[in-house]
């Protein structure tokens, strides 16, 4: 009888020990996912910061360009409209999107603004006085630096998102991720055509008319 009791107690101890190990493993996996998730969110906030920096530069840029005689109105309007479109995409600045559609909308708006700014800078080449304007030159340098920071922060964001996505989709961590609702997050994608150099063409056929 005593022997059977000892065996029973031993089995109970083993079961409790295994259960405790499973719980501790689950807690460890959960904590790692929390850390990776917070890393992605923190980097997302940094991406938002550099995008906001670019957005804040645009009013001064537009006002400076307005001072140039006969500057193309449509070019300025496209920049202003693209900036407004960015503001219409509502994304939590502190939490990276888990919905690919939301990320696509955000990136599409930002890419539209990038394209409008690129066209503006190309058009500026036709205005020597504007190119020599110290205020515009300073803004152009700030804008170029901001674009570089955007590219870098997006790259870091994708790296952190990759680490997070890889972990939450691996077995057996994926079971904890599903239970705790840790979903994969979308990446920034390369802009269509970004692998090809832009073709810039000017039509000066009407310049003397």
C-alpha atoms as a PDB file:
ATOM      1  CA  UNK A   1       0.000   0.000   0.000  1.00  0.00           C
ATOM      2  CA  UNK A   2       2.748   2.373   0.962  1.00  0.00           C
ATOM      3  CA  UNK A   3       4.626   1.484  -2.211  1.00  0.00           C
ATOM      4  CA  UNK A   4       1.596   2.284  -4.359  1.00  0.00           C
ATOM      5  CA  UNK A   5       1.176   5.586  -2.544  1.00  0.00           C
ATOM      6  CA  UNK A   6       4.814   6.466  -3.163  1.00  0.00           C
ATOM      7  CA  UNK A   7       4.409   5.665  -6.869  1.00  0.00           C
ATOM      8  CA  UNK A   8       1.240   7.755  -7.041  1.00  0.00           C
ATOM      9  CA  UNK A   9       2.906  10.690  -5.346  1.00  0.00           C
ATOM     10  CA  UNK A  10       5.850  10.330  -7.711  1.00  0.00           C
ATOM     11  CA  UNK A  11       3.557  10.354 -10.734  1.00  0.00           C
ATOM     12  CA  UNK A  12       1.729  13.406  -9.435  1.00  0.00           C
ATOM     13  CA  UNK A  13       5.037  15.152  -8.887  1.00  0.00           C
ATOM     14  CA  UNK A  14       6.138  14.316 -12.417  1.00  0.00           C
ATOM     15  CA  UNK A  15       2.858  15.592 -13.867  1.00  0.00           C
ATOM     16  CA  UNK A  16       3.110  18.781 -11.829  1.00  0.00           C
ATOM     17  CA  UNK A  17       6.724  19.211 -12.886  1.00  0.00           C
ATOM     18  CA  UNK A  18       5.902  18.748 -16.564  1.00  0.00           C
ATOM     19  CA  UNK A  19       2.942  21.114 -16.288  1.00  0.00           C
ATOM     20  CA  UNK A  20       5.162  23.691 -14.595  1.00  0.00           C
ATOM     21  CA  UNK A  21       7.746  23.357 -17.356  1.00  0.00           C
ATOM     22  CA  UNK A  22       5.053  23.827 -20.005  1.00  0.00           C
ATOM     23  CA  UNK A  23       3.727  26.911 -18.226  1.00  0.00           C
ATOM     24  CA  UNK A  24       7.200  28.393 -17.897  1.00  0.00           C
ATOM     25  CA  UNK A  25       7.892  27.653 -21.568  1.00  0.00           C
ATOM     26  CA  UNK A  26       4.606  29.309 -22.544  1.00  0.00           C
ATOM     27  CA  UNK A  27       5.419  32.354 -20.432  1.00  0.00           C
ATOM     28  CA  UNK A  28       8.873  32.587 -22.023  1.00  0.00           C
ATOM     29  CA  UNK A  29       7.455  32.353 -25.546  1.00  0.00           C
ATOM     30  CA  UNK A  30       4.782  34.926 -24.745  1.00  0.00           C
ATOM     31  CA  UNK A  31       7.311  37.336 -23.268  1.00  0.00           C
ATOM     32  CA  UNK A  32       9.564  37.032 -26.320  1.00  0.00           C
ATOM     33  CA  UNK A  33       6.640  37.740 -28.636  1.00  0.00           C
ATOM     34  CA  UNK A  34       5.710  40.766 -26.537  1.00  0.00           C
ATOM     35  CA  UNK A  35       9.282  42.042 -26.812  1.00  0.00           C
ATOM     36  CA  UNK A  36       9.452  41.498 -30.573  1.00  0.00           C
ATOM     37  CA  UNK A  37       6.048  43.107 -31.026  1.00  0.00           C
ATOM     38  CA  UNK A  38       7.076  46.157 -29.013  1.00  0.00           C
ATOM     39  CA  UNK A  39      10.244  46.391 -31.078  1.00  0.00           C
ATOM     40  CA  UNK A  40       8.192  46.554 -34.278  1.00  0.00           C
ATOM     41  CA  UNK A  41       5.823  49.144 -32.783  1.00  0.00           C
ATOM     42  CA  UNK A  42       8.722  51.278 -31.550  1.00  0.00           C
ATOM     43  CA  UNK A  43      10.306  51.212 -34.994  1.00  0.00           C
ATOM     44  CA  UNK A  44       6.946  52.040 -36.573  1.00  0.00           C
ATOM     45  CA  UNK A  45       6.785  55.143 -34.386  1.00  0.00           C
ATOM     46  CA  UNK A  46      10.234  56.098 -35.651  1.00  0.00           C
ATOM     47  CA  UNK A  47       9.088  55.649 -39.260  1.00  0.00           C
ATOM     48  CA  UNK A  48       6.123  57.901 -38.512  1.00  0.00           C
ATOM     49  CA  UNK A  49       8.462  60.504 -37.038  1.00  0.00           C
ATOM     50  CA  UNK A  50      10.578  60.802 -40.171  1.00  0.00           C
ATOM     51  CA  UNK A  51       7.520  60.859 -42.428  1.00  0.00           C
ATOM     52  CA  UNK A  52       6.055  63.622 -40.256  1.00  0.00           C
ATOM     53  CA  UNK A  53       9.311  65.521 -40.561  1.00  0.00           C
ATOM     54  CA  UNK A  54       8.940  65.443 -44.337  1.00  0.00           C
ATOM     55  CA  UNK A  55       5.306  66.526 -44.109  1.00  0.00           C
ATOM     56  CA  UNK A  56       6.289  69.483 -41.932  1.00  0.00           C
ATOM     57  CA  UNK A  57       8.885  70.641 -44.472  1.00  0.00           C
ATOM     58  CA  UNK A  58       6.405  70.863 -47.338  1.00  0.00           C
ATOM     59  CA  UNK A  59       4.583  74.123 -46.429  1.00  0.00           C
ATOM     60  CA  UNK A  60       7.870  76.055 -46.335  1.00  0.00           C
ATOM     61  CA  UNK A  61       8.985  74.360 -49.530  1.00  0.00           C
ATOM     62  CA  UNK A  62       5.762  75.273 -51.329  1.00  0.00           C
ATOM     63  CA  UNK A  63       5.830  78.863 -50.066  1.00  0.00           C
ATOM     64  CA  UNK A  64       9.413  79.288 -51.232  1.00  0.00           C
ATOM     65  CA  UNK A  65       8.650  77.888 -54.677  1.00  0.00           C
ATOM     66  CA  UNK A  66       5.572  80.129 -54.996  1.00  0.00           C
ATOM     67  CA  UNK A  67       7.913  83.091 -55.066  1.00  0.00           C
ATOM     68  CA  UNK A  68       9.371  81.980 -58.387  1.00  0.00           C
ATOM     69  CA  UNK A  69       7.829  83.758 -61.351  1.00  0.00           C
ATOM     70  CA  UNK A  70       5.633  81.608 -63.608  1.00  0.00           C
ATOM     71  CA  UNK A  71       6.311  78.427 -61.654  1.00  0.00           C
ATOM     72  CA  UNK A  72       4.067  75.563 -62.816  1.00  0.00           C
ATOM     73  CA  UNK A  73       0.891  75.768 -60.745  1.00  0.00           C
ATOM     74  CA  UNK A  74      -0.069  72.153 -61.423  1.00  0.00           C
ATOM     75  CA  UNK A  75       3.212  70.922 -59.933  1.00  0.00           C
ATOM     76  CA  UNK A  76       2.610  72.775 -56.682  1.00  0.00           C
ATOM     77  CA  UNK A  77      -1.009  71.627 -56.560  1.00  0.00           C
ATOM     78  CA  UNK A  78       0.040  67.990 -56.910  1.00  0.00           C
ATOM     79  CA  UNK A  79       2.364  68.342 -53.900  1.00  0.00           C
ATOM     80  CA  UNK A  80      -0.310  70.033 -51.787  1.00  0.00           C
ATOM     81  CA  UNK A  81      -2.919  67.439 -52.748  1.00  0.00           C
ATOM     82  CA  UNK A  82      -0.542  64.550 -52.079  1.00  0.00           C
ATOM     83  CA  UNK A  83       0.262  65.982 -48.647  1.00  0.00           C
ATOM     84  CA  UNK A  84      -3.459  66.206 -47.893  1.00  0.00           C
ATOM     85  CA  UNK A  85      -3.949  62.592 -48.989  1.00  0.00           C
ATOM     86  CA  UNK A  86      -1.304  61.474 -46.505  1.00  0.00           C
ATOM     87  CA  UNK A  87      -3.263  63.115 -43.694  1.00  0.00           C
ATOM     88  CA  UNK A  88      -6.440  61.281 -44.709  1.00  0.00           C
ATOM     89  CA  UNK A  89      -4.937  57.838 -44.084  1.00  0.00           C
ATOM     90  CA  UNK A  90      -5.626  57.128 -40.429  1.00  0.00           C
ATOM     91  CA  UNK A  91      -2.973  54.890 -38.907  1.00  0.00           C
ATOM     92  CA  UNK A  92      -2.079  54.568 -35.230  1.00  0.00           C
ATOM     93  CA  UNK A  93       1.351  56.250 -34.969  1.00  0.00           C
ATOM     94  CA  UNK A  94       2.324  54.021 -32.038  1.00  0.00           C
ATOM     95  CA  UNK A  95       1.257  50.596 -33.334  1.00  0.00           C
ATOM     96  CA  UNK A  96       2.322  49.003 -36.584  1.00  0.00           C
ATOM     97  CA  UNK A  97      -0.622  47.890 -38.764  1.00  0.00           C
ATOM     98  CA  UNK A  98      -1.567  44.218 -38.786  1.00  0.00           C
ATOM     99  CA  UNK A  99      -3.878  44.697 -41.750  1.00  0.00           C
ATOM    100  CA  UNK A 100      -2.021  44.572 -45.109  1.00  0.00           C
ATOM    101  CA  UNK A 101      -4.691  46.769 -46.710  1.00  0.00           C
ATOM    102  CA  UNK A 102      -4.076  49.535 -44.175  1.00  0.00           C
ATOM    103  CA  UNK A 103      -0.334  49.338 -44.770  1.00  0.00           C
ATOM    104  CA  UNK A 104      -0.882  49.473 -48.546  1.00  0.00           C
ATOM    105  CA  UNK A 105      -3.064  52.571 -48.217  1.00  0.00           C
ATOM    106  CA  UNK A 106      -0.477  54.266 -45.999  1.00  0.00           C
ATOM    107  CA  UNK A 107       2.398  53.423 -48.322  1.00  0.00           C
ATOM    108  CA  UNK A 108       0.431  54.410 -51.438  1.00  0.00           C
ATOM    109  CA  UNK A 109      -0.245  57.869 -49.977  1.00  0.00           C
ATOM    110  CA  UNK A 110       3.391  58.336 -48.976  1.00  0.00           C
ATOM    111  CA  UNK A 111       4.622  57.125 -52.368  1.00  0.00           C
ATOM    112  CA  UNK A 112       2.281  59.564 -54.082  1.00  0.00           C
ATOM    113  CA  UNK A 113       3.814  62.384 -52.065  1.00  0.00           C
ATOM    114  CA  UNK A 114       7.325  61.162 -52.886  1.00  0.00           C
ATOM    115  CA  UNK A 115       6.443  61.175 -56.581  1.00  0.00           C
ATOM    116  CA  UNK A 116       4.981  64.700 -56.395  1.00  0.00           C
ATOM    117  CA  UNK A 117       8.077  66.007 -54.621  1.00  0.00           C
ATOM    118  CA  UNK A 118      10.325  64.364 -57.193  1.00  0.00           C
ATOM    119  CA  UNK A 119       8.438  66.069 -60.013  1.00  0.00           C
ATOM    120  CA  UNK A 120       8.713  69.404 -58.227  1.00  0.00           C
ATOM    121  CA  UNK A 121      12.475  69.076 -57.862  1.00  0.00           C
ATOM    122  CA  UNK A 122      12.796  68.156 -61.534  1.00  0.00           C
ATOM    123  CA  UNK A 123      10.788  71.217 -62.569  1.00  0.00           C
ATOM    124  CA  UNK A 124      12.961  73.425 -60.369  1.00  0.00           C
ATOM    125  CA  UNK A 125      15.850  72.686 -62.736  1.00  0.00           C
ATOM    126  CA  UNK A 126      14.191  75.080 -65.195  1.00  0.00           C
ATOM    127  CA  UNK A 127      14.436  77.991 -62.726  1.00  0.00           C
ATOM    128  CA  UNK A 128      18.048  79.142 -62.144  1.00  0.00           C
ATOM    129  CA  UNK A 129      16.960  81.893 -59.748  1.00  0.00           C
ATOM    130  CA  UNK A 130      15.071  79.408 -57.594  1.00  0.00           C
ATOM    131  CA  UNK A 131      17.973  76.969 -57.619  1.00  0.00           C
ATOM    132  CA  UNK A 132      20.181  79.786 -56.336  1.00  0.00           C
ATOM    133  CA  UNK A 133      17.736  80.744 -53.575  1.00  0.00           C
ATOM    134  CA  UNK A 134      19.478  79.989 -50.270  1.00  0.00           C
ATOM    135  CA  UNK A 135      16.210  79.243 -48.500  1.00  0.00           C
ATOM    136  CA  UNK A 136      15.207  76.734 -51.145  1.00  0.00           C
ATOM    137  CA  UNK A 137      18.668  75.173 -51.149  1.00  0.00           C
ATOM    138  CA  UNK A 138      18.469  74.670 -47.378  1.00  0.00           C
ATOM    139  CA  UNK A 139      15.031  73.095 -47.667  1.00  0.00           C
ATOM    140  CA  UNK A 140      16.243  70.830 -50.443  1.00  0.00           C
ATOM    141  CA  UNK A 141      19.130  69.628 -48.288  1.00  0.00           C
ATOM    142  CA  UNK A 142      16.762  68.967 -45.369  1.00  0.00           C
ATOM    143  CA  UNK A 143      14.362  67.136 -47.647  1.00  0.00           C
ATOM    144  CA  UNK A 144      17.124  64.975 -49.113  1.00  0.00           C
ATOM    145  CA  UNK A 145      18.338  64.102 -45.620  1.00  0.00           C
ATOM    146  CA  UNK A 146      14.805  63.253 -44.540  1.00  0.00           C
ATOM    147  CA  UNK A 147      14.299  60.991 -47.563  1.00  0.00           C
ATOM    148  CA  UNK A 148      17.479  59.122 -46.653  1.00  0.00           C
ATOM    149  CA  UNK A 149      16.281  58.693 -43.077  1.00  0.00           C
ATOM    150  CA  UNK A 150      12.903  57.449 -44.327  1.00  0.00           C
ATOM    151  CA  UNK A 151      14.598  54.804 -46.456  1.00  0.00           C
ATOM    152  CA  UNK A 152      16.773  53.708 -43.532  1.00  0.00           C
ATOM    153  CA  UNK A 153      13.946  53.591 -40.979  1.00  0.00           C
ATOM    154  CA  UNK A 154      11.774  51.601 -43.387  1.00  0.00           C
ATOM    155  CA  UNK A 155      14.585  49.095 -43.829  1.00  0.00           C
ATOM    156  CA  UNK A 156      14.994  48.707 -40.062  1.00  0.00           C
ATOM    157  CA  UNK A 157      11.216  48.358 -39.701  1.00  0.00           C
ATOM    158  CA  UNK A 158      11.161  45.540 -42.250  1.00  0.00           C
ATOM    159  CA  UNK A 159      14.031  43.808 -40.429  1.00  0.00           C
ATOM    160  CA  UNK A 160      12.224  43.939 -37.096  1.00  0.00           C
ATOM    161  CA  UNK A 161       8.955  42.865 -38.696  1.00  0.00           C
ATOM    162  CA  UNK A 162      10.704  39.905 -40.332  1.00  0.00           C
ATOM    163  CA  UNK A 163      12.114  38.768 -36.969  1.00  0.00           C
ATOM    164  CA  UNK A 164       8.688  39.095 -35.338  1.00  0.00           C
ATOM    165  CA  UNK A 165       6.810  37.361 -38.164  1.00  0.00           C
ATOM    166  CA  UNK A 166       9.315  34.520 -38.321  1.00  0.00           C
ATOM    167  CA  UNK A 167       9.004  33.838 -34.602  1.00  0.00           C
ATOM    168  CA  UNK A 168       5.197  33.947 -34.329  1.00  0.00           C
ATOM    169  CA  UNK A 169       4.822  31.609 -37.307  1.00  0.00           C
ATOM    170  CA  UNK A 170       7.319  29.010 -36.137  1.00  0.00           C
ATOM    171  CA  UNK A 171       6.183  25.800 -34.483  1.00  0.00           C
ATOM    172  CA  UNK A 172       5.521  25.485 -31.573  1.00  0.00           C
ATOM    173  CA  UNK A 173       5.468  29.261 -30.855  1.00  0.00           C
ATOM    174  CA  UNK A 174       2.670  29.687 -33.382  1.00  0.00           C
ATOM    175  CA  UNK A 175       0.250  27.948 -31.011  1.00  0.00           C
ATOM    176  CA  UNK A 176       0.907  30.508 -28.289  1.00  0.00           C
ATOM    177  CA  UNK A 177       0.744  33.296 -30.875  1.00  0.00           C
ATOM    178  CA  UNK A 178      -2.681  32.115 -32.040  1.00  0.00           C
ATOM    179  CA  UNK A 179      -3.953  31.864 -28.469  1.00  0.00           C
ATOM    180  CA  UNK A 180      -2.607  35.332 -27.581  1.00  0.00           C
ATOM    181  CA  UNK A 181      -3.696  36.881 -30.908  1.00  0.00           C
ATOM    182  CA  UNK A 182      -0.188  37.798 -32.075  1.00  0.00           C
ATOM    183  CA  UNK A 183      -0.727  38.233 -35.813  1.00  0.00           C
ATOM    184  CA  UNK A 184       1.912  38.654 -38.537  1.00  0.00           C
ATOM    185  CA  UNK A 185       2.501  42.250 -39.592  1.00  0.00           C
ATOM    186  CA  UNK A 186       2.826  43.564 -43.169  1.00  0.00           C
ATOM    187  CA  UNK A 187       6.058  44.937 -44.577  1.00  0.00           C
ATOM    188  CA  UNK A 188       6.889  48.056 -46.506  1.00  0.00           C
ATOM    189  CA  UNK A 189       7.156  46.983 -50.129  1.00  0.00           C
ATOM    190  CA  UNK A 190       9.380  48.426 -52.816  1.00  0.00           C
ATOM    191  CA  UNK A 191       7.604  51.026 -54.896  1.00  0.00           C
ATOM    192  CA  UNK A 192       6.707  49.744 -58.335  1.00  0.00           C
ATOM    193  CA  UNK A 193       9.411  50.753 -60.799  1.00  0.00           C
ATOM    194  CA  UNK A 194      11.875  51.741 -58.069  1.00  0.00           C
ATOM    195  CA  UNK A 195      14.346  49.244 -59.535  1.00  0.00           C
ATOM    196  CA  UNK A 196      14.479  51.272 -62.770  1.00  0.00           C
ATOM    197  CA  UNK A 197      16.014  54.756 -63.128  1.00  0.00           C
ATOM    198  CA  UNK A 198      13.395  57.440 -63.854  1.00  0.00           C
ATOM    199  CA  UNK A 199      13.135  58.758 -67.379  1.00  0.00           C
ATOM    200  CA  UNK A 200      12.881  62.529 -67.363  1.00  0.00           C
ATOM    201  CA  UNK A 201      11.816  64.231 -70.584  1.00  0.00           C
ATOM    202  CA  UNK A 202      11.259  67.927 -71.172  1.00  0.00           C
ATOM    203  CA  UNK A 203       9.220  69.459 -73.943  1.00  0.00           C
ATOM    204  CA  UNK A 204      10.681  72.826 -74.852  1.00  0.00           C
ATOM    205  CA  UNK A 205       8.880  73.025 -78.197  1.00  0.00           C
ATOM    206  CA  UNK A 206       6.609  75.803 -76.934  1.00  0.00           C
ATOM    207  CA  UNK A 207       9.119  77.867 -75.010  1.00  0.00           C
ATOM    208  CA  UNK A 208       9.349  80.566 -77.678  1.00  0.00           C
ATOM    209  CA  UNK A 209       5.624  80.858 -78.388  1.00  0.00           C
END
